[in-house]
Each structure stands twice: as C-alpha cells, then as structure tokens.
C-alpha cells in the first residue's frame, strides 16, 4: 500500500502533488527526499536565506518554512484519517501562516532542525500504519482523500517547491 494512490483516493485539488511523487515505497522516497533537503539546507548561507526573487515573494527561508508547515498540517490530517476519524478537516491559508511565522528571523540551522524533526515524525507515523490505515479516506479541504494520498501530497508539495527554489532562488 505504500505506492502511489489511485485517482479514487484524492480529488483534483491534490492531483498535481500526487502526480509529482515518484513510484515506489513512499516511506523510502520521503526518507531519501529528507536527506537531500537537509543537505541543501546545510549548504545555504544566511544571505541566500534572505533572498527574494521578486518583490512581494517569499524569502528562501520562508519557502522552506512553508514546506515544513505544510508537512505538519498534512501529517496531522494523515494521522486523523489513518486512525479512522471522519471529521472534515479544514484547509489553511499559506498567506497567513508564512508571515505569521517569522521565518526570516530564524537561522537556517534552526529551520533545518525543524525540518528534520517534522520529517522524522512523519516517517515514524507512516512506519506504524497498517495496510488498512493507508487506504482509509477522510475529508480535507472539502476533498475526499486517503492517508496514502496525503503521504504523496507531502512528497509532491516539497518537490514542487524545491523545483521553484532551484529555478528562482538558487539560479539567480
């Protein structure tokens, strides 16, 4: 059950992120992704962390902070759905969360520690899921989604932002 979900496990709202997730064991994919992201974070200077590729766009630190916030939220949703909670879970507004976090005031080292802790918690959660739990469905952001699809959303969302980071922040 650790492979990519079928299209009946998620709505179009999440489709782009699911489609970006490679085929294979989701736990191993997320573990390797985490190692790569931590390596990238460890290579950044504070000056790079403050960079914005255009006025009004997030800094590089804010972009990484958003990745972590999203994983926290998706993992929480995944936990609730995998455990059989069918309470509809609300969406969130990234344009409220990112400015409210103060990511620019944090050293990159601290952002990396936060990322590592959240990814480890996600991996621990996923390793403990039964095959049945992976397939459980619930509602998040007014869309039906399975626990397995949420694991793909975590991966695909990060891949989406890492592509933007490489293209617009690090190639500038």
C-alpha atoms as a PDB file:
ATOM      1  CA  UNK A   1       0.000   0.000   0.000  1.00  0.00           C
ATOM      2  CA  UNK A   2       2.963   2.295   0.123  1.00  0.00           C
ATOM      3  CA  UNK A   3       2.880   3.026  -3.607  1.00  0.00           C
ATOM      4  CA  UNK A   4       1.141   5.940  -5.271  1.00  0.00           C
ATOM      5  CA  UNK A   5      -2.625   6.045  -4.788  1.00  0.00           C
ATOM      6  CA  UNK A   6      -5.288   5.527  -7.379  1.00  0.00           C
ATOM      7  CA  UNK A   7      -7.208   8.548  -8.621  1.00  0.00           C
ATOM      8  CA  UNK A   8     -10.169   7.448  -6.491  1.00  0.00           C
ATOM      9  CA  UNK A   9      -8.095   8.265  -3.382  1.00  0.00           C
ATOM     10  CA  UNK A  10      -7.843  12.025  -3.895  1.00  0.00           C
ATOM     11  CA  UNK A  11      -9.556  14.953  -5.577  1.00  0.00           C
ATOM     12  CA  UNK A  12      -8.208  17.214  -8.264  1.00  0.00           C
ATOM     13  CA  UNK A  13      -7.207  19.806  -5.645  1.00  0.00           C
ATOM     14  CA  UNK A  14      -4.336  17.492  -4.624  1.00  0.00           C
ATOM     15  CA  UNK A  15      -3.688  15.894  -8.016  1.00  0.00           C
ATOM     16  CA  UNK A  16      -0.633  17.915  -9.001  1.00  0.00           C
ATOM     17  CA  UNK A  17       1.252  16.997  -5.840  1.00  0.00           C
ATOM     18  CA  UNK A  18       0.313  13.319  -6.085  1.00  0.00           C
ATOM     19  CA  UNK A  19       1.434  13.212  -9.726  1.00  0.00           C
ATOM     20  CA  UNK A  20       4.845  14.645  -8.824  1.00  0.00           C
ATOM     21  CA  UNK A  21       5.526  11.821  -6.372  1.00  0.00           C
ATOM     22  CA  UNK A  22       7.722   9.080  -7.839  1.00  0.00           C
ATOM     23  CA  UNK A  23       6.550   5.465  -7.942  1.00  0.00           C
ATOM     24  CA  UNK A  24       7.879   3.254  -5.193  1.00  0.00           C
ATOM     25  CA  UNK A  25       7.881   2.848  -1.439  1.00  0.00           C
ATOM     26  CA  UNK A  26       6.602   6.163  -0.069  1.00  0.00           C
ATOM     27  CA  UNK A  27       8.452   5.811   3.206  1.00  0.00           C
ATOM     28  CA  UNK A  28      11.765   5.283   1.443  1.00  0.00           C
ATOM     29  CA  UNK A  29      11.065   8.096  -1.027  1.00  0.00           C
ATOM     30  CA  UNK A  30      10.291  10.506   1.830  1.00  0.00           C
ATOM     31  CA  UNK A  31      13.374   9.353   3.769  1.00  0.00           C
ATOM     32  CA  UNK A  32      15.680   9.989   0.808  1.00  0.00           C
ATOM     33  CA  UNK A  33      13.934  13.263  -0.003  1.00  0.00           C
ATOM     34  CA  UNK A  34      14.526  14.388   3.562  1.00  0.00           C
ATOM     35  CA  UNK A  35      18.224  13.624   3.328  1.00  0.00           C
ATOM     36  CA  UNK A  36      18.504  15.652   0.127  1.00  0.00           C
ATOM     37  CA  UNK A  37      16.592  18.602   1.531  1.00  0.00           C
ATOM     38  CA  UNK A  38      18.724  18.644   4.677  1.00  0.00           C
ATOM     39  CA  UNK A  39      21.849  18.577   2.508  1.00  0.00           C
ATOM     40  CA  UNK A  40      20.531  21.538   0.531  1.00  0.00           C
ATOM     41  CA  UNK A  41      19.614  23.474   3.683  1.00  0.00           C
ATOM     42  CA  UNK A  42      23.073  22.784   5.098  1.00  0.00           C
ATOM     43  CA  UNK A  43      24.698  24.294   2.017  1.00  0.00           C
ATOM     44  CA  UNK A  44      22.876  27.638   2.247  1.00  0.00           C
ATOM     45  CA  UNK A  45      24.234  30.871   3.647  1.00  0.00           C
ATOM     46  CA  UNK A  46      22.163  33.305   5.675  1.00  0.00           C
ATOM     47  CA  UNK A  47      22.446  35.737   2.761  1.00  0.00           C
ATOM     48  CA  UNK A  48      20.879  33.165   0.446  1.00  0.00           C
ATOM     49  CA  UNK A  49      18.185  32.509   3.039  1.00  0.00           C
ATOM     50  CA  UNK A  50      17.116  36.161   2.917  1.00  0.00           C
ATOM     51  CA  UNK A  51      16.938  36.249  -0.903  1.00  0.00           C
ATOM     52  CA  UNK A  52      13.609  37.009  -2.621  1.00  0.00           C
ATOM     53  CA  UNK A  53      13.497  36.524  -6.371  1.00  0.00           C
ATOM     54  CA  UNK A  54      10.912  39.295  -6.788  1.00  0.00           C
ATOM     55  CA  UNK A  55       9.250  41.943  -4.643  1.00  0.00           C
ATOM     56  CA  UNK A  56       6.420  40.524  -2.571  1.00  0.00           C
ATOM     57  CA  UNK A  57       7.649  36.917  -2.931  1.00  0.00           C
ATOM     58  CA  UNK A  58       8.732  34.755  -0.026  1.00  0.00           C
ATOM     59  CA  UNK A  59      12.343  34.692   1.036  1.00  0.00           C
ATOM     60  CA  UNK A  60      14.148  31.391   0.669  1.00  0.00           C
ATOM     61  CA  UNK A  61      13.788  30.894   4.443  1.00  0.00           C
ATOM     62  CA  UNK A  62      10.043  31.492   4.152  1.00  0.00           C
ATOM     63  CA  UNK A  63       9.796  28.983   1.311  1.00  0.00           C
ATOM     64  CA  UNK A  64      11.469  26.314   3.435  1.00  0.00           C
ATOM     65  CA  UNK A  65       9.343  27.273   6.428  1.00  0.00           C
ATOM     66  CA  UNK A  66       6.240  26.835   4.283  1.00  0.00           C
ATOM     67  CA  UNK A  67       7.386  23.341   3.275  1.00  0.00           C
ATOM     68  CA  UNK A  68       7.667  22.431   6.960  1.00  0.00           C
ATOM     69  CA  UNK A  69       4.312  23.991   7.870  1.00  0.00           C
ATOM     70  CA  UNK A  70       2.619  22.096   5.050  1.00  0.00           C
ATOM     71  CA  UNK A  71       4.137  18.796   6.126  1.00  0.00           C
ATOM     72  CA  UNK A  72       2.974  19.364   9.704  1.00  0.00           C
ATOM     73  CA  UNK A  73      -0.564  20.042   8.526  1.00  0.00           C
ATOM     74  CA  UNK A  74      -0.677  17.160   6.035  1.00  0.00           C
ATOM     75  CA  UNK A  75       0.769  14.755   8.619  1.00  0.00           C
ATOM     76  CA  UNK A  76      -1.877  15.818  11.106  1.00  0.00           C
ATOM     77  CA  UNK A  77      -4.558  15.197   8.508  1.00  0.00           C
ATOM     78  CA  UNK A  78      -2.954  11.862   7.650  1.00  0.00           C
ATOM     79  CA  UNK A  79      -2.945  10.851  11.330  1.00  0.00           C
ATOM     80  CA  UNK A  80      -6.618  11.699  11.794  1.00  0.00           C
ATOM     81  CA  UNK A  81      -7.706   9.946   8.600  1.00  0.00           C
ATOM     82  CA  UNK A  82      -5.494   6.877   9.108  1.00  0.00           C
ATOM     83  CA  UNK A  83      -6.936   6.427  12.601  1.00  0.00           C
ATOM     84  CA  UNK A  84     -10.482   6.473  11.210  1.00  0.00           C
ATOM     85  CA  UNK A  85     -11.554   9.996  12.168  1.00  0.00           C
ATOM     86  CA  UNK A  86     -14.077  11.131   9.562  1.00  0.00           C
ATOM     87  CA  UNK A  87     -14.439  14.683  10.863  1.00  0.00           C
ATOM     88  CA  UNK A  88     -13.948  17.049   7.891  1.00  0.00           C
ATOM     89  CA  UNK A  89     -10.612  18.831   8.232  1.00  0.00           C
ATOM     90  CA  UNK A  90     -10.370  22.476   7.121  1.00  0.00           C
ATOM     91  CA  UNK A  91      -7.946  23.954   4.644  1.00  0.00           C
ATOM     92  CA  UNK A  92      -5.338  26.516   5.567  1.00  0.00           C
ATOM     93  CA  UNK A  93      -4.131  29.827   4.185  1.00  0.00           C
ATOM     94  CA  UNK A  94      -0.402  29.876   3.489  1.00  0.00           C
ATOM     95  CA  UNK A  95      -0.536  33.639   3.077  1.00  0.00           C
ATOM     96  CA  UNK A  96      -1.495  33.945   6.743  1.00  0.00           C
ATOM     97  CA  UNK A  97       0.785  31.232   8.125  1.00  0.00           C
ATOM     98  CA  UNK A  98       4.051  32.241   6.448  1.00  0.00           C
ATOM     99  CA  UNK A  99       4.068  35.917   7.522  1.00  0.00           C
ATOM    100  CA  UNK A 100       2.892  34.907  10.991  1.00  0.00           C
ATOM    101  CA  UNK A 101       5.793  32.506  11.497  1.00  0.00           C
ATOM    102  CA  UNK A 102       8.740  34.916  11.426  1.00  0.00           C
ATOM    103  CA  UNK A 103      10.894  32.502   9.409  1.00  0.00           C
ATOM    104  CA  UNK A 104      13.229  35.301   8.310  1.00  0.00           C
ATOM    105  CA  UNK A 105      14.339  35.847  11.906  1.00  0.00           C
ATOM    106  CA  UNK A 106      15.432  32.215  12.289  1.00  0.00           C
ATOM    107  CA  UNK A 107      18.886  30.959  11.364  1.00  0.00           C
ATOM    108  CA  UNK A 108      18.930  28.405   8.546  1.00  0.00           C
ATOM    109  CA  UNK A 109      20.364  25.903  11.021  1.00  0.00           C
ATOM    110  CA  UNK A 110      17.164  26.165  13.081  1.00  0.00           C
ATOM    111  CA  UNK A 111      14.957  25.779  10.005  1.00  0.00           C
ATOM    112  CA  UNK A 112      16.940  22.644   9.149  1.00  0.00           C
ATOM    113  CA  UNK A 113      16.446  21.258  12.669  1.00  0.00           C
ATOM    114  CA  UNK A 114      12.715  21.922  12.423  1.00  0.00           C
ATOM    115  CA  UNK A 115      12.517  20.267   9.015  1.00  0.00           C
ATOM    116  CA  UNK A 116      14.435  17.211  10.291  1.00  0.00           C
ATOM    117  CA  UNK A 117      12.168  16.855  13.340  1.00  0.00           C
ATOM    118  CA  UNK A 118       8.974  17.125  11.308  1.00  0.00           C
ATOM    119  CA  UNK A 119      10.202  14.683   8.646  1.00  0.00           C
ATOM    120  CA  UNK A 120      11.275  12.186  11.310  1.00  0.00           C
ATOM    121  CA  UNK A 121       7.848  12.441  12.943  1.00  0.00           C
ATOM    122  CA  UNK A 122       6.178  11.875   9.567  1.00  0.00           C
ATOM    123  CA  UNK A 123       8.321   8.817   8.867  1.00  0.00           C
ATOM    124  CA  UNK A 124       7.634   7.375  12.318  1.00  0.00           C
ATOM    125  CA  UNK A 125       3.900   7.870  11.793  1.00  0.00           C
ATOM    126  CA  UNK A 126       3.972   6.215   8.375  1.00  0.00           C
ATOM    127  CA  UNK A 127       6.027   3.233   9.563  1.00  0.00           C
ATOM    128  CA  UNK A 128       3.344   2.457  12.146  1.00  0.00           C
ATOM    129  CA  UNK A 129       0.395   2.388   9.744  1.00  0.00           C
ATOM    130  CA  UNK A 130      -1.378  -0.845   8.914  1.00  0.00           C
ATOM    131  CA  UNK A 131      -2.212  -1.635   5.295  1.00  0.00           C
ATOM    132  CA  UNK A 132      -5.833  -0.810   6.098  1.00  0.00           C
ATOM    133  CA  UNK A 133      -4.900   2.582   7.594  1.00  0.00           C
ATOM    134  CA  UNK A 134      -3.032   3.610   4.430  1.00  0.00           C
ATOM    135  CA  UNK A 135      -6.285   3.242   2.478  1.00  0.00           C
ATOM    136  CA  UNK A 136      -8.641   4.967   4.885  1.00  0.00           C
ATOM    137  CA  UNK A 137     -10.306   8.050   3.473  1.00  0.00           C
ATOM    138  CA  UNK A 138     -11.484  11.250   5.016  1.00  0.00           C
ATOM    139  CA  UNK A 139     -12.170  14.832   4.039  1.00  0.00           C
ATOM    140  CA  UNK A 140      -9.579  17.602   3.968  1.00  0.00           C
ATOM    141  CA  UNK A 141     -10.032  20.971   2.278  1.00  0.00           C
ATOM    142  CA  UNK A 142     -13.506  19.863   1.162  1.00  0.00           C
ATOM    143  CA  UNK A 143     -11.977  16.953  -0.771  1.00  0.00           C
ATOM    144  CA  UNK A 144     -12.028  13.218  -0.136  1.00  0.00           C
ATOM    145  CA  UNK A 145      -8.501  11.915   0.332  1.00  0.00           C
ATOM    146  CA  UNK A 146      -6.779   8.780   1.632  1.00  0.00           C
ATOM    147  CA  UNK A 147      -3.941   8.599   4.126  1.00  0.00           C
ATOM    148  CA  UNK A 148      -1.727   7.247   1.325  1.00  0.00           C
ATOM    149  CA  UNK A 149      -2.585  10.186  -0.919  1.00  0.00           C
ATOM    150  CA  UNK A 150      -1.689  12.598   1.886  1.00  0.00           C
ATOM    151  CA  UNK A 151       1.763  10.998   2.110  1.00  0.00           C
ATOM    152  CA  UNK A 152       2.110  11.708  -1.614  1.00  0.00           C
ATOM    153  CA  UNK A 153       0.931  15.287  -1.114  1.00  0.00           C
ATOM    154  CA  UNK A 154       3.733  15.794   1.433  1.00  0.00           C
ATOM    155  CA  UNK A 155       6.299  14.487  -1.050  1.00  0.00           C
ATOM    156  CA  UNK A 156       4.906  16.197  -4.151  1.00  0.00           C
ATOM    157  CA  UNK A 157       4.399  19.542  -2.429  1.00  0.00           C
ATOM    158  CA  UNK A 158       8.034  19.556  -1.378  1.00  0.00           C
ATOM    159  CA  UNK A 159       9.175  18.553  -4.878  1.00  0.00           C
ATOM    160  CA  UNK A 160       7.095  21.391  -6.323  1.00  0.00           C
ATOM    161  CA  UNK A 161       8.726  23.948  -4.053  1.00  0.00           C
ATOM    162  CA  UNK A 162      12.227  22.508  -4.434  1.00  0.00           C
ATOM    163  CA  UNK A 163      11.904  22.981  -8.193  1.00  0.00           C
ATOM    164  CA  UNK A 164      10.935  26.625  -7.644  1.00  0.00           C
ATOM    165  CA  UNK A 165      13.783  27.053  -5.166  1.00  0.00           C
ATOM    166  CA  UNK A 166      16.333  25.674  -7.624  1.00  0.00           C
ATOM    167  CA  UNK A 167      14.988  27.691 -10.572  1.00  0.00           C
ATOM    168  CA  UNK A 168      14.185  31.038  -8.989  1.00  0.00           C
ATOM    169  CA  UNK A 169      16.302  31.281  -5.852  1.00  0.00           C
ATOM    170  CA  UNK A 170      19.490  29.316  -6.407  1.00  0.00           C
ATOM    171  CA  UNK A 171      19.980  30.021 -10.116  1.00  0.00           C
ATOM    172  CA  UNK A 172      19.600  33.768  -9.636  1.00  0.00           C
END
